[in-house]
Amino acid sequence: MALPTYLRTADFCLHTALTRSTAADPAKTCLVAGRESYSYGQLQTLAFQFATAFMQAGIRPGDRVIIYLDNTQFCAAALFGTLIAGGVFVIVNPQTKQDKLEYIIRDAEAFALVTDTHLAGNFVLLLDGSNSLKGCYFSGRENLDAPSSIPALPLSQLPAPTTPPNGWPLVTGADLAALIYTSGSTGNPKGVMMTHQSMVFAAASLIEYLRLTPDDVIINVLPLAFDYGLYQLLMSVTLGATLVLERSFTYPGQIYALLDAHQVTTFPGVPTVYATLVTHHRKKPLCFPSVRRITNTAAALPEEHIPVLREIFPNAMVFKMYGLTECKRVCYLEPELAFSKPNSVGKAIPGTEVLVLDADGRPVPPNVPGILHVRGPHVMQGYWRQPELTRHMLKEGRFPGDKLLCSHDWFKTDADGYLYFLGRSDDIIKSRGEKVSPIEVENVLYSIPGVLTAAVVGTPDPLLDSAVVACVIKEPDSTLTEAEVRRICLSRLENFMVPSRIIFVDDMPKTSTGKVSKKELKAQLNL
């Protein structure tokens, strides 16, 4: 079989996608950001401007550039400009506050900061305190009121794109392309090291199983700091497709208008986004016939939402997926199996292998819980300057030098080899001597009419070890009672899995990627 067009490159560098797609059709719309559209030629020019500015400031191969911006054309161009100049991009969510931003700048030993003046309250005081920063490049106002010895340049004054006398720095597929900072359950965020080759491979694998083409129009409402959002950009540019880049899903009405205006074909979301769509649809029917595929990851998509989503997106395939920042994506469920295997997250993505192993590293039989491990070119190099944490996640494989990524997440397989997510290692609840999967309990809760959002957590209990607690947001006007929820749970779950407490709440704290933050939820409810 011939190698796909998007992999016909000698060096497998991530930024090659932009130059290749630009050469193919420089006038084609690459990006729609806000009210403006940008062609491939325009985005490449802006990327070359960033690369020129970084080269003039003295960037060296492997230097890290912090991109602390909303989802804009500048964020996309700075990413590619960093790579062209031989650097490593680090996208930081614009919701990140000063303390965490300071940690990331210091930990990455950042060479430059690309940002916006509306975020100045979080970064100006950090400029003088950094020993590594050589420049700050900002959009927004034309001046930055900051007493700093670090040169600060408005993005409107980026230099004209100039290829260096000896050409752009040599970059190979083995070179580091990105640090993707991800938070753990405790401590500071960790920088996941991803090479050009691993990210090119991951983008290609996603493109293959999602059945994407250059004619697709993808909308992205997820932060580019979240790898799910980031890969919407990378896949789109790799294909020469069009990306509608929005800052968030805060104003759903605006997103609905964009879906129609741009005839969007691909809608990536997370369960909280889909829950909002379902709620709005029940109040006033929605229908977006141009969408041909919707994708979900970050948390389980409730089975009960799928029929409603099929009404909203009548021509769309529904892809359920599971992934880790440490390897981007692990598995996906073919849309054709959505009804026959409704709770499965599918099989390994193309070109990779997954294994469910016991504590001694031996494969477990079907329907027996085990820990998921992953093999493939998409696996991270490790955590930035965190050798102990790296060893915790990367295990020895079947031959010397082979590495297995240990997810530390509980899974099982069915007789056909399809995967079922049971829970994060730190989410699994040990109650009455049994292991309770919060996902299994949440699936039952979502099946109850009137339940909009559900989250199951464990709390210390002197008799049970841990008690199972269900937190529920009811749909508007629902009269659902605690007794009704418990009755249905008793009819569908083993006794030890039935929540001992059911708490109705009006809202639940969420992470920047739209997942319910169970840690914050427990703190909020004093659990």
Protein backbone atom coordinates (compact mmCIF):
# COMPACT_ATOMS: atom_id res chain seq x y z
CA MET A 1 0.00 0.00 0.00
CA ALA A 2 1.34 3.44 -0.91
CA LEU A 3 2.42 5.70 1.93
CA PRO A 4 -0.27 8.35 2.61
CA THR A 5 0.47 11.79 1.18
CA TYR A 6 0.73 13.34 4.63
CA LEU A 7 3.61 10.98 5.50
CA ARG A 8 5.64 11.41 2.30
CA THR A 9 8.37 13.47 3.88
CA ALA A 10 11.97 12.54 4.53
CA ASP A 11 12.35 14.22 7.89
CA PHE A 12 8.91 13.73 9.48
CA CYS A 13 8.99 17.24 10.95
CA LEU A 14 5.76 18.68 12.28
CA HIS A 15 6.10 22.05 10.56
CA THR A 16 6.61 20.39 7.18
CA ALA A 17 2.83 20.01 7.12
CA LEU A 18 2.36 23.78 6.90
CA THR A 19 4.90 24.35 4.14
CA ARG A 20 3.60 21.35 2.17
CA SER A 21 -0.06 22.39 2.40
CA THR A 22 0.84 26.00 1.57
CA ALA A 23 2.75 24.91 -1.52
CA ALA A 24 -0.24 22.83 -2.63
CA ASP A 25 -2.77 25.69 -2.37
CA PRO A 26 -1.57 28.94 -0.75
CA ALA A 27 -4.93 30.66 -1.26
CA LYS A 28 -7.04 27.98 0.48
CA THR A 29 -8.55 28.99 3.82
CA CYS A 30 -6.45 27.45 6.56
CA LEU A 31 -7.90 29.11 9.62
CA VAL A 32 -11.03 30.99 10.62
CA ALA A 33 -10.34 32.86 13.86
CA GLY A 34 -12.95 35.24 15.16
CA ARG A 35 -14.32 37.23 12.23
CA GLU A 36 -11.21 36.81 10.09
CA SER A 37 -10.11 34.08 7.71
CA TYR A 38 -6.47 33.29 6.99
CA SER A 39 -5.17 31.43 3.96
CA TYR A 40 -2.37 28.91 4.13
CA GLY A 41 -0.09 31.49 2.56
CA GLN A 42 -0.97 34.08 5.20
CA LEU A 43 -0.49 31.69 8.11
CA GLN A 44 2.86 30.55 6.73
CA THR A 45 4.02 34.16 6.33
CA LEU A 46 3.07 34.90 9.93
CA ALA A 47 4.86 31.73 11.08
CA PHE A 48 7.99 32.81 9.19
CA GLN A 49 7.75 36.22 10.91
CA PHE A 50 7.77 34.53 14.30
CA ALA A 51 10.65 32.28 13.26
CA THR A 52 12.63 35.31 12.03
CA ALA A 53 12.02 37.17 15.29
CA PHE A 54 13.17 34.17 17.34
CA MET A 55 16.27 33.73 15.18
CA GLN A 56 17.16 37.41 15.55
CA ALA A 57 16.80 37.05 19.33
CA GLY A 58 19.29 34.17 19.30
CA ILE A 59 17.14 31.06 19.66
CA ARG A 60 19.10 27.80 19.65
CA PRO A 61 17.90 24.37 18.58
CA GLY A 62 15.77 22.90 21.33
CA ASP A 63 15.04 26.20 23.11
CA ARG A 64 11.54 26.37 24.57
CA VAL A 65 8.99 29.05 23.64
CA ILE A 66 6.00 29.59 25.92
CA ILE A 67 2.81 30.42 23.99
CA TYR A 68 0.40 31.89 26.52
CA LEU A 69 -2.51 32.93 24.30
CA ASP A 70 -6.16 32.37 23.58
CA ASN A 71 -7.05 30.28 20.54
CA THR A 72 -6.08 32.80 17.84
CA GLN A 73 -4.17 32.97 14.57
CA PHE A 74 -1.18 34.18 16.58
CA CYS A 75 -1.22 31.04 18.73
CA ALA A 76 -1.22 28.81 15.65
CA ALA A 77 1.46 30.81 13.84
CA ALA A 78 3.72 31.04 16.92
CA LEU A 79 3.58 27.25 17.24
CA PHE A 80 4.79 26.70 13.68
CA GLY A 81 7.24 29.60 13.88
CA THR A 82 8.85 28.06 16.94
CA LEU A 83 9.31 24.74 15.14
CA ILE A 84 10.68 26.36 11.97
CA ALA A 85 13.29 28.16 14.08
CA GLY A 86 14.31 24.84 15.65
CA GLY A 87 12.58 25.45 18.97
CA VAL A 88 10.14 23.54 21.15
CA PHE A 89 6.66 24.97 21.70
CA VAL A 90 4.93 25.01 25.09
CA ILE A 91 1.29 26.12 24.88
CA VAL A 92 -0.11 27.29 28.21
CA ASN A 93 -3.84 27.65 28.78
CA PRO A 94 -4.76 31.36 29.05
CA GLN A 95 -6.78 30.52 32.18
CA THR A 96 -3.52 29.63 33.92
CA LYS A 97 -2.75 31.96 36.81
CA GLN A 98 0.53 33.58 37.79
CA ASP A 99 1.93 30.95 40.16
CA LYS A 100 1.50 28.06 37.74
CA LEU A 101 2.72 30.13 34.79
CA GLU A 102 5.83 31.08 36.75
CA TYR A 103 6.49 27.43 37.51
CA ILE A 104 6.21 26.42 33.84
CA ILE A 105 8.45 29.27 32.64
CA ARG A 106 11.05 28.32 35.22
CA ASP A 107 10.76 24.57 34.75
CA ALA A 108 11.00 24.80 30.95
CA GLU A 109 13.76 27.41 31.14
CA ALA A 110 11.82 29.28 28.49
CA PHE A 111 13.65 31.27 25.84
CA ALA A 112 10.66 33.47 24.90
CA LEU A 113 7.10 34.25 25.90
CA VAL A 114 4.37 34.90 23.33
CA THR A 115 1.27 36.35 24.95
CA ASP A 116 -1.42 39.06 24.98
CA THR A 117 -1.70 42.22 27.05
CA HIS A 118 -5.09 41.21 28.46
CA LEU A 119 -3.14 38.55 30.39
CA ALA A 120 -0.57 41.05 31.66
CA GLY A 121 -1.74 40.73 35.26
CA ASN A 122 -0.45 37.16 35.25
CA PHE A 123 2.87 37.58 33.47
CA VAL A 124 4.38 41.09 33.73
CA LEU A 125 5.79 40.53 37.19
CA LEU A 126 7.48 37.34 35.98
CA LEU A 127 9.53 38.98 33.23
CA ASP A 128 12.22 40.49 35.46
CA GLY A 129 12.35 37.39 37.63
CA SER A 130 13.24 35.00 34.81
CA ASN A 131 16.86 34.02 34.19
CA SER A 132 16.12 32.41 30.84
CA LEU A 133 13.66 34.64 28.95
CA LYS A 134 15.25 36.59 26.10
CA GLY A 135 12.12 38.18 24.72
CA CYS A 136 8.40 38.81 25.17
CA TYR A 137 6.16 39.07 22.10
CA PHE A 138 2.63 40.31 22.68
CA SER A 139 -0.65 41.03 20.92
CA GLY A 140 -3.30 43.44 22.17
CA ARG A 141 -2.22 46.94 23.14
CA GLU A 142 0.79 48.43 21.39
CA ASN A 143 2.72 48.94 24.60
CA LEU A 144 3.38 46.83 27.64
CA ASP A 145 3.56 48.66 30.93
CA ALA A 146 6.21 46.52 32.52
CA PRO A 147 9.55 47.53 34.09
CA SER A 148 11.58 44.80 32.46
CA SER A 149 15.06 44.30 31.13
CA ILE A 150 13.67 41.74 28.70
CA PRO A 151 12.91 43.14 25.21
CA ALA A 152 9.16 43.28 24.54
CA LEU A 153 7.85 43.48 20.98
CA PRO A 154 4.24 43.97 19.82
CA LEU A 155 3.21 41.33 17.32
CA SER A 156 2.25 44.11 14.93
CA GLN A 157 5.98 44.88 14.72
CA LEU A 158 7.25 41.39 13.99
CA PRO A 159 10.07 41.56 11.42
CA ALA A 160 9.55 40.73 7.77
CA PRO A 161 10.05 37.01 7.12
CA THR A 162 13.68 36.46 6.19
CA THR A 163 15.29 33.09 5.60
CA PRO A 164 18.65 32.97 7.44
CA PRO A 165 21.79 32.97 5.21
CA ASN A 166 22.43 29.31 5.99
CA GLY A 167 18.76 28.36 5.91
CA TRP A 168 16.52 27.43 8.78
CA PRO A 169 18.01 25.18 11.48
CA LEU A 170 18.20 21.47 10.72
CA VAL A 171 15.42 19.62 12.52
CA THR A 172 14.91 15.85 12.43
CA GLY A 173 12.01 13.67 13.43
CA ALA A 174 13.89 12.62 16.56
CA ASP A 175 14.08 16.18 17.85
CA LEU A 176 11.78 17.45 20.56
CA ALA A 177 8.78 19.37 19.18
CA ALA A 178 6.66 20.11 22.23
CA LEU A 179 6.40 20.07 25.98
CA ILE A 180 2.77 19.50 26.89
CA TYR A 181 2.27 20.28 30.56
CA THR A 182 -0.28 18.09 32.26
CA SER A 183 -1.42 18.18 35.85
CA GLY A 184 -1.28 15.11 38.05
CA SER A 185 -3.43 14.37 41.04
CA THR A 186 -0.85 16.09 43.25
CA GLY A 187 2.10 18.40 42.84
CA ASN A 188 3.23 20.61 39.99
CA PRO A 189 2.40 19.99 36.32
CA LYS A 190 4.68 17.69 34.35
CA GLY A 191 6.10 18.48 30.91
CA VAL A 192 5.36 15.61 28.53
CA MET A 193 8.16 15.43 25.94
CA MET A 194 6.92 14.73 22.42
CA THR A 195 9.15 14.48 19.36
CA HIS A 196 8.33 15.58 15.83
CA GLN A 197 8.11 11.97 14.72
CA SER A 198 5.72 10.95 17.50
CA MET A 199 3.39 13.87 16.80
CA VAL A 200 3.48 13.40 13.02
CA PHE A 201 2.66 9.71 13.54
CA ALA A 202 -0.17 10.47 15.97
CA ALA A 203 -1.74 13.02 13.62
CA ALA A 204 -1.53 10.56 10.72
CA SER A 205 -3.09 7.74 12.76
CA LEU A 206 -5.96 9.99 13.87
CA ILE A 207 -6.55 11.16 10.32
CA GLU A 208 -6.76 7.55 9.17
CA TYR A 209 -9.28 6.23 11.66
CA LEU A 210 -11.39 9.40 11.67
CA ARG A 211 -11.58 9.15 7.87
CA LEU A 212 -10.69 12.81 7.41
CA THR A 213 -10.04 14.40 4.01
CA PRO A 214 -8.69 17.74 2.76
CA ASP A 215 -12.29 18.84 2.15
CA ASP A 216 -13.16 18.69 5.83
CA VAL A 217 -13.96 21.75 7.92
CA ILE A 218 -13.13 21.13 11.59
CA ILE A 219 -14.35 23.34 14.41
CA ASN A 220 -12.33 23.55 17.62
CA VAL A 221 -13.73 25.06 20.83
CA LEU A 222 -11.12 23.37 23.04
CA PRO A 223 -7.94 25.13 24.23
CA LEU A 224 -4.87 24.44 22.09
CA ALA A 225 -3.05 23.81 25.39
CA PHE A 226 -5.19 20.65 25.65
CA ASP A 227 -3.75 18.04 23.30
CA TYR A 228 -7.24 17.18 22.04
CA GLY A 229 -7.58 20.78 20.85
CA LEU A 230 -3.98 20.96 19.63
CA TYR A 231 -4.37 17.98 17.32
CA GLN A 232 -7.39 19.54 15.61
CA LEU A 233 -4.95 22.17 14.32
CA LEU A 234 -2.23 19.64 13.49
CA MET A 235 -4.59 17.30 11.64
CA SER A 236 -6.18 20.14 9.71
CA VAL A 237 -2.86 21.61 8.57
CA THR A 238 -1.47 18.14 7.80
CA LEU A 239 -4.38 17.51 5.44
CA GLY A 240 -4.63 21.01 4.00
CA ALA A 241 -8.16 21.23 5.45
CA THR A 242 -9.86 24.20 7.15
CA LEU A 243 -10.05 24.83 10.90
CA VAL A 244 -12.63 27.09 12.54
CA LEU A 245 -10.79 28.08 15.71
CA GLU A 246 -12.91 29.37 18.57
CA ARG A 247 -11.76 30.40 22.03
CA SER A 248 -14.29 28.29 23.95
CA PHE A 249 -17.83 26.94 24.12
CA THR A 250 -18.87 29.70 26.52
CA TYR A 251 -21.44 31.12 24.10
CA PRO A 252 -23.04 28.06 22.45
CA GLY A 253 -25.35 30.17 20.25
CA GLN A 254 -22.34 31.63 18.47
CA ILE A 255 -20.92 28.15 17.89
CA TYR A 256 -24.23 26.95 16.45
CA ALA A 257 -24.18 29.85 13.98
CA LEU A 258 -20.61 29.00 12.93
CA LEU A 259 -21.53 25.36 12.33
CA ASP A 260 -24.04 26.48 9.71
CA ALA A 261 -22.09 29.42 8.31
CA HIS A 262 -18.96 27.38 7.57
CA GLN A 263 -20.70 24.06 6.87
CA VAL A 264 -18.55 22.38 9.50
CA THR A 265 -18.02 18.66 8.93
CA THR A 266 -16.19 17.64 12.13
CA PHE A 267 -17.15 18.49 15.71
CA PRO A 268 -14.78 17.42 18.52
CA GLY A 269 -16.17 17.76 22.01
CA VAL A 270 -16.08 16.58 25.60
CA PRO A 271 -19.02 15.25 27.65
CA THR A 272 -19.79 18.62 29.24
CA VAL A 273 -20.09 20.20 25.77
CA TYR A 274 -22.38 17.41 24.61
CA ALA A 275 -24.47 17.69 27.79
CA THR A 276 -25.06 21.37 26.94
CA LEU A 277 -26.06 20.45 23.39
CA VAL A 278 -28.50 17.84 24.67
CA THR A 279 -30.07 20.31 27.11
CA HIS A 280 -30.47 23.01 24.43
CA HIS A 281 -31.89 20.49 21.96
CA ARG A 282 -34.58 19.43 24.41
CA LYS A 283 -35.64 23.06 24.83
CA LYS A 284 -35.41 23.99 21.15
CA PRO A 285 -34.46 21.36 18.56
CA LEU A 286 -31.02 21.72 16.97
CA CYS A 287 -29.93 20.20 13.67
CA PHE A 288 -26.57 20.44 11.92
CA PRO A 289 -26.71 18.23 8.82
CA SER A 290 -23.30 19.28 7.48
CA VAL A 291 -21.46 17.57 10.36
CA ARG A 292 -20.23 14.13 9.27
CA ARG A 293 -18.39 13.08 12.42
CA ILE A 294 -18.40 13.96 16.11
CA THR A 295 -15.65 12.83 18.45
CA ASN A 296 -15.45 12.51 22.21
CA THR A 297 -12.63 11.99 24.68
CA ALA A 298 -11.46 13.27 28.12
CA ALA A 299 -14.27 11.39 29.88
CA ALA A 300 -16.89 8.80 29.04
CA LEU A 301 -19.74 9.88 26.77
CA PRO A 302 -22.95 8.67 28.41
CA GLU A 303 -24.71 6.04 26.29
CA GLU A 304 -28.02 7.87 26.75
CA HIS A 305 -26.69 10.97 25.01
CA ILE A 306 -25.89 9.19 21.76
CA PRO A 307 -29.49 8.93 20.40
CA VAL A 308 -30.03 12.63 21.11
CA LEU A 309 -26.75 13.55 19.46
CA ARG A 310 -27.85 11.59 16.41
CA GLU A 311 -30.89 13.87 16.22
CA ILE A 312 -28.68 16.96 16.47
CA PHE A 313 -26.13 15.62 13.98
CA PRO A 314 -28.26 13.34 11.76
CA ASN A 315 -25.49 12.61 9.24
CA ALA A 316 -22.62 12.18 11.68
CA MET A 317 -20.55 9.20 12.70
CA VAL A 318 -19.98 9.11 16.47
CA PHE A 319 -16.43 8.29 17.57
CA LYS A 320 -15.84 7.41 21.23
CA MET A 321 -12.17 7.52 22.19
CA TYR A 322 -9.76 7.31 25.08
CA GLY A 323 -6.34 8.87 25.33
CA LEU A 324 -3.47 10.04 27.50
CA THR A 325 -1.38 13.15 27.03
CA GLU A 326 1.63 10.83 27.29
CA CYS A 327 0.76 9.22 23.94
CA LYS A 328 -2.01 11.45 22.61
CA ARG A 329 -4.54 8.73 21.75
CA VAL A 330 -4.84 5.10 22.84
CA CYS A 331 -7.99 3.71 21.26
CA TYR A 332 -11.21 4.45 19.42
CA LEU A 333 -14.54 2.75 18.78
CA GLU A 334 -15.71 2.49 15.18
CA PRO A 335 -19.02 4.35 14.78
CA GLU A 336 -20.62 1.22 13.37
CA LEU A 337 -20.22 -0.43 16.80
CA ALA A 338 -21.76 2.39 18.84
CA PHE A 339 -24.91 0.38 19.58
CA SER A 340 -23.49 -3.15 19.78
CA LYS A 341 -20.67 -2.08 22.15
CA PRO A 342 -22.08 1.09 23.71
CA ASN A 343 -19.76 1.20 26.74
CA SER A 344 -16.54 0.27 24.93
CA VAL A 345 -13.78 2.73 23.99
CA GLY A 346 -12.74 0.43 21.17
CA LYS A 347 -9.39 -0.86 20.01
CA ALA A 348 -5.86 0.47 19.51
CA ILE A 349 -5.41 3.29 17.01
CA PRO A 350 -3.71 2.31 13.72
CA GLY A 351 -0.03 1.39 14.01
CA THR A 352 -0.06 0.82 17.79
CA GLU A 353 -0.67 -1.93 20.34
CA VAL A 354 -2.50 -2.01 23.67
CA LEU A 355 -2.17 -4.62 26.42
CA VAL A 356 -4.16 -5.15 29.62
CA LEU A 357 -1.78 -6.61 32.20
CA ASP A 358 -1.87 -7.71 35.82
CA ALA A 359 0.50 -6.51 38.56
CA ASP A 360 3.18 -8.96 37.38
CA GLY A 361 3.01 -7.80 33.77
CA ARG A 362 1.04 -10.79 32.49
CA PRO A 363 -1.93 -10.44 30.11
CA VAL A 364 -5.29 -10.88 31.81
CA PRO A 365 -8.16 -12.83 30.23
CA PRO A 366 -11.34 -11.14 28.93
CA ASN A 367 -13.57 -9.47 31.52
CA VAL A 368 -10.83 -9.46 34.15
CA PRO A 369 -9.66 -5.97 35.26
CA GLY A 370 -6.06 -5.04 34.59
CA ILE A 371 -3.84 -2.05 33.92
CA LEU A 372 -3.70 -0.69 30.37
CA HIS A 373 -0.28 -0.47 28.67
CA VAL A 374 0.49 1.10 25.30
CA ARG A 375 3.18 0.52 22.63
CA GLY A 376 3.87 2.59 19.56
CA PRO A 377 5.72 5.53 17.97
CA HIS A 378 3.30 7.96 19.64
CA VAL A 379 4.55 7.24 23.17
CA MET A 380 6.28 10.17 24.89
CA GLN A 381 10.03 10.37 25.45
CA GLY A 382 9.37 10.95 29.12
CA TYR A 383 8.64 13.80 31.51
CA TRP A 384 10.84 16.89 31.23
CA ARG A 385 13.57 16.58 33.86
CA GLN A 386 11.52 14.11 35.91
CA PRO A 387 13.42 10.79 35.68
CA GLU A 388 11.61 9.14 38.59
CA LEU A 389 8.17 9.97 37.23
CA THR A 390 9.31 8.84 33.79
CA ARG A 391 10.33 5.45 35.17
CA HIS A 392 6.94 5.23 36.86
CA MET A 393 5.19 5.57 33.49
CA LEU A 394 7.59 3.95 31.00
CA LYS A 395 8.24 0.25 31.59
CA GLU A 396 10.53 -2.22 29.87
CA GLY A 397 8.88 -3.90 26.91
CA ARG A 398 9.36 -7.27 25.28
CA PHE A 399 12.92 -6.62 24.04
CA PRO A 400 15.83 -4.35 25.11
CA GLY A 401 15.04 -0.73 24.44
CA ASP A 402 11.32 -1.38 23.93
CA LYS A 403 9.14 0.83 26.09
CA LEU A 404 5.62 0.31 27.35
CA LEU A 405 3.59 3.27 28.53
CA CYS A 406 1.80 2.24 31.71
CA SER A 407 -1.44 4.19 31.94
CA HIS A 408 -2.10 3.16 35.57
CA ASP A 409 -5.76 3.08 34.51
CA TRP A 410 -8.04 0.08 35.00
CA PHE A 411 -9.49 -1.57 31.92
CA LYS A 412 -10.97 -4.85 30.83
CA THR A 413 -11.52 -6.41 27.41
CA ASP A 414 -14.45 -8.36 26.05
CA ALA A 415 -14.23 -11.64 24.13
CA ASP A 416 -13.59 -9.69 20.91
CA GLY A 417 -10.67 -7.78 22.41
CA TYR A 418 -12.50 -4.44 22.71
CA LEU A 419 -11.52 -2.21 25.62
CA TYR A 420 -13.69 -0.96 28.49
CA PHE A 421 -12.48 1.84 30.76
CA LEU A 422 -13.12 1.12 34.43
CA GLY A 423 -11.45 4.11 36.05
CA ARG A 424 -8.28 5.96 36.89
CA SER A 425 -6.11 4.25 39.46
CA ASP A 426 -6.75 7.05 41.90
CA ASP A 427 -10.51 7.02 41.07
CA ILE A 428 -11.16 3.35 41.79
CA ILE A 429 -13.14 3.09 45.02
CA LYS A 430 -12.45 0.22 47.43
CA SER A 431 -15.70 -0.39 49.28
CA ARG A 432 -16.69 -3.42 51.36
CA GLY A 433 -13.56 -5.17 50.12
CA GLU A 434 -14.59 -4.77 46.49
CA LYS A 435 -13.28 -2.47 43.75
CA VAL A 436 -15.94 -0.09 42.46
CA SER A 437 -15.55 1.52 39.04
CA PRO A 438 -17.04 5.04 39.14
CA ILE A 439 -17.66 4.80 35.39
CA GLU A 440 -19.98 1.81 35.81
CA VAL A 441 -22.04 3.62 38.44
CA GLU A 442 -22.10 6.83 36.38
CA ASN A 443 -23.37 4.91 33.33
CA VAL A 444 -26.37 3.76 35.36
CA LEU A 445 -26.98 7.27 36.69
CA TYR A 446 -26.94 8.71 33.17
CA SER A 447 -29.61 6.18 32.15
CA ILE A 448 -32.05 7.70 34.66
CA PRO A 449 -34.48 10.24 33.11
CA GLY A 450 -33.82 13.64 34.61
CA VAL A 451 -30.07 13.19 35.22
CA LEU A 452 -28.02 15.76 33.30
CA THR A 453 -24.55 15.27 34.83
CA ALA A 454 -23.24 12.63 37.23
CA ALA A 455 -19.98 12.17 39.10
CA VAL A 456 -19.19 9.33 41.50
CA VAL A 457 -16.50 9.68 44.16
CA GLY A 458 -15.30 7.77 47.19
CA THR A 459 -15.13 9.16 50.71
CA PRO A 460 -13.49 7.64 53.83
CA ASP A 461 -15.81 5.48 55.89
CA PRO A 462 -14.87 3.59 59.08
CA LEU A 463 -17.04 0.58 58.22
CA LEU A 464 -16.88 0.43 54.42
CA ASP A 465 -13.26 1.59 53.92
CA SER A 466 -14.68 4.01 51.32
CA ALA A 467 -18.28 5.00 50.78
CA VAL A 468 -19.64 5.46 47.25
CA VAL A 469 -21.13 8.94 46.82
CA ALA A 470 -23.06 10.05 43.73
CA CYS A 471 -23.26 13.75 42.85
CA VAL A 472 -25.99 14.60 40.37
CA ILE A 473 -27.11 17.67 38.43
CA LYS A 474 -30.76 17.30 37.47
CA GLU A 475 -32.22 18.50 34.21
CA PRO A 476 -34.27 21.69 34.48
CA ASP A 477 -37.78 21.06 35.86
CA SER A 478 -36.89 17.49 36.85
CA THR A 479 -38.67 16.18 39.96
CA LEU A 480 -36.24 13.28 40.43
CA THR A 481 -35.76 12.26 44.06
CA GLU A 482 -32.98 10.54 45.95
CA ALA A 483 -35.22 7.56 46.59
CA GLU A 484 -35.88 7.11 42.87
CA VAL A 485 -32.18 7.24 42.06
CA ARG A 486 -31.37 4.68 44.75
CA ARG A 487 -34.16 2.37 43.61
CA ILE A 488 -32.87 2.32 40.02
CA CYS A 489 -29.29 1.83 41.18
CA LEU A 490 -30.36 -1.14 43.31
CA SER A 491 -32.04 -2.69 40.29
CA ARG A 492 -29.02 -2.24 38.01
CA LEU A 493 -25.94 -2.53 40.22
CA GLU A 494 -24.40 -4.99 42.65
CA ASN A 495 -25.12 -3.97 46.23
CA PHE A 496 -21.57 -2.87 47.01
CA MET A 497 -21.69 -0.47 44.02
CA VAL A 498 -24.91 1.30 45.01
CA PRO A 499 -24.16 4.84 46.27
CA SER A 500 -24.60 5.21 49.99
CA ARG A 501 -25.24 8.92 49.46
CA ILE A 502 -26.83 10.80 46.57
CA ILE A 503 -26.25 14.54 46.52
CA PHE A 504 -28.09 16.85 44.15
CA VAL A 505 -26.04 19.91 43.18
CA ASP A 506 -26.61 22.89 40.89
CA ASP A 507 -23.15 22.84 39.32
CA MET A 508 -19.86 20.96 39.37
CA PRO A 509 -16.35 22.39 39.12
CA LYS A 510 -14.64 21.60 35.84
CA THR A 511 -11.08 21.44 34.63
CA SER A 512 -9.84 23.62 31.78
CA THR A 513 -10.56 20.72 29.43
CA GLY A 514 -14.21 20.45 30.44
CA LYS A 515 -14.00 17.38 32.69
CA VAL A 516 -15.64 17.36 36.10
CA SER A 517 -12.89 17.97 38.67
CA LYS A 518 -13.69 15.32 41.26
CA LYS A 519 -10.96 16.61 43.56
CA GLU A 520 -12.51 20.09 43.63
CA LEU A 521 -16.00 18.62 43.85
CA LYS A 522 -15.08 16.68 46.98
CA ALA A 523 -13.52 19.79 48.51
CA GLN A 524 -16.58 21.88 47.60
CA LEU A 525 -18.92 19.40 49.29
CA ASN A 526 -16.54 18.69 52.20
CA LEU A 527 -16.47 15.01 51.33
